[in-house]
């Protein structure tokens, strides 16, 4: 064993093998140095977009960490901007849904409406299916939770059932075929009987109800935000619990309508109204359980009293149009008895801006049609 060790040492000490050992050691050293230099270079590059920027081999660990922090901050700022943009788009959508997407109340409503309507092509006022849908759209905005539509069509092609289908499925409309009472028309046999039928069959579903026509729009002068009519009724009944019927005074909007291409909504086409109530033909909002018998303008009450609402708080915007001028151009008489009124402009803008959120398609309230 000792001989073998001495022999091995002699071999290592020989000049030939010494040179080989030295060459091997130098090779390993060069490889290690090269590897370290390449590793150092890899830490001296930073991505900016699609470009690589040289930062220098002497860059410290602190500067590398700072660069990473800056990159993360930049990414976070970009993400925040994207989130803010998305939130900015979501906010108007949520505002629209807050009033047009009525919650399912299980057939119990604070406020509903009943409508008797006949849509027919020979109507000089041209109150078509489009105007019916606009009216229902507005009622949602005002705070109505349900509408009972009595369709008094005379001919089958006048029926509005298909047009109302999505609102029926949505639960906003109850459709009643009233054609058997449509002809011959009479106030008692057609209109008042519809109101009474609604009261008898569904009166217990609503605390308050309004009986109005498709050219009549309840309007609060001091509150035009969504659900304004619910707030008005709640405040009124709190101050006057003895009142079971609130009547809205009748303000006519007259004159030749503006073009429907530029002003697709009826309430945006007529902008001249009578400065005072045009007549005593008010329309009621009433506690359903306190009504004994229905009529057009005043219902007979079981309990409580009927009160005309302050016209400076609420009124009925009645879009009569050009009836008084035989559907012709504006006359000096019409201009003299009316004043310009565009106070509903804010509601018009909101209704238009919410169309794509609240309706299946824009044609529902923009396209002129008869069924």
Foldseek 3Di string as FASTA:
>chain_A
DVVVVVVVVVVCPDPVNVVVVVVVVVVVVVVVVVVVVVVLQVLQWDDDPPDIDGRDSPDDPVVSVVVVVVVVVVVVVVVVVVVVVVVVVVVLLVLLCVQLLADCPPLAAAEEEEEEDWFDDVPLVLCALLLQLLLLLLVSQQAHQAYEYEYQYQDPVLDCCVLCVVVVVSVRYDYHDQNVQNPPDDQVSRPQVRVVVCLVPRLRRYQKYWYDYSQKDKDFLVDNGGNNNVVVVVVVCVVPVLAFKEWAAAKEQEFAFDDCVVPVHLLRRTFKIAPDRPDRQIIIMGGSVQFDGGGGRDTHGNGGHYDYDDNNGIHMYGYPYHVVVVNDHDDPVSVVRIDGHDSCVVVSVSSVVCPVSNDPDDCSNRPRDHD
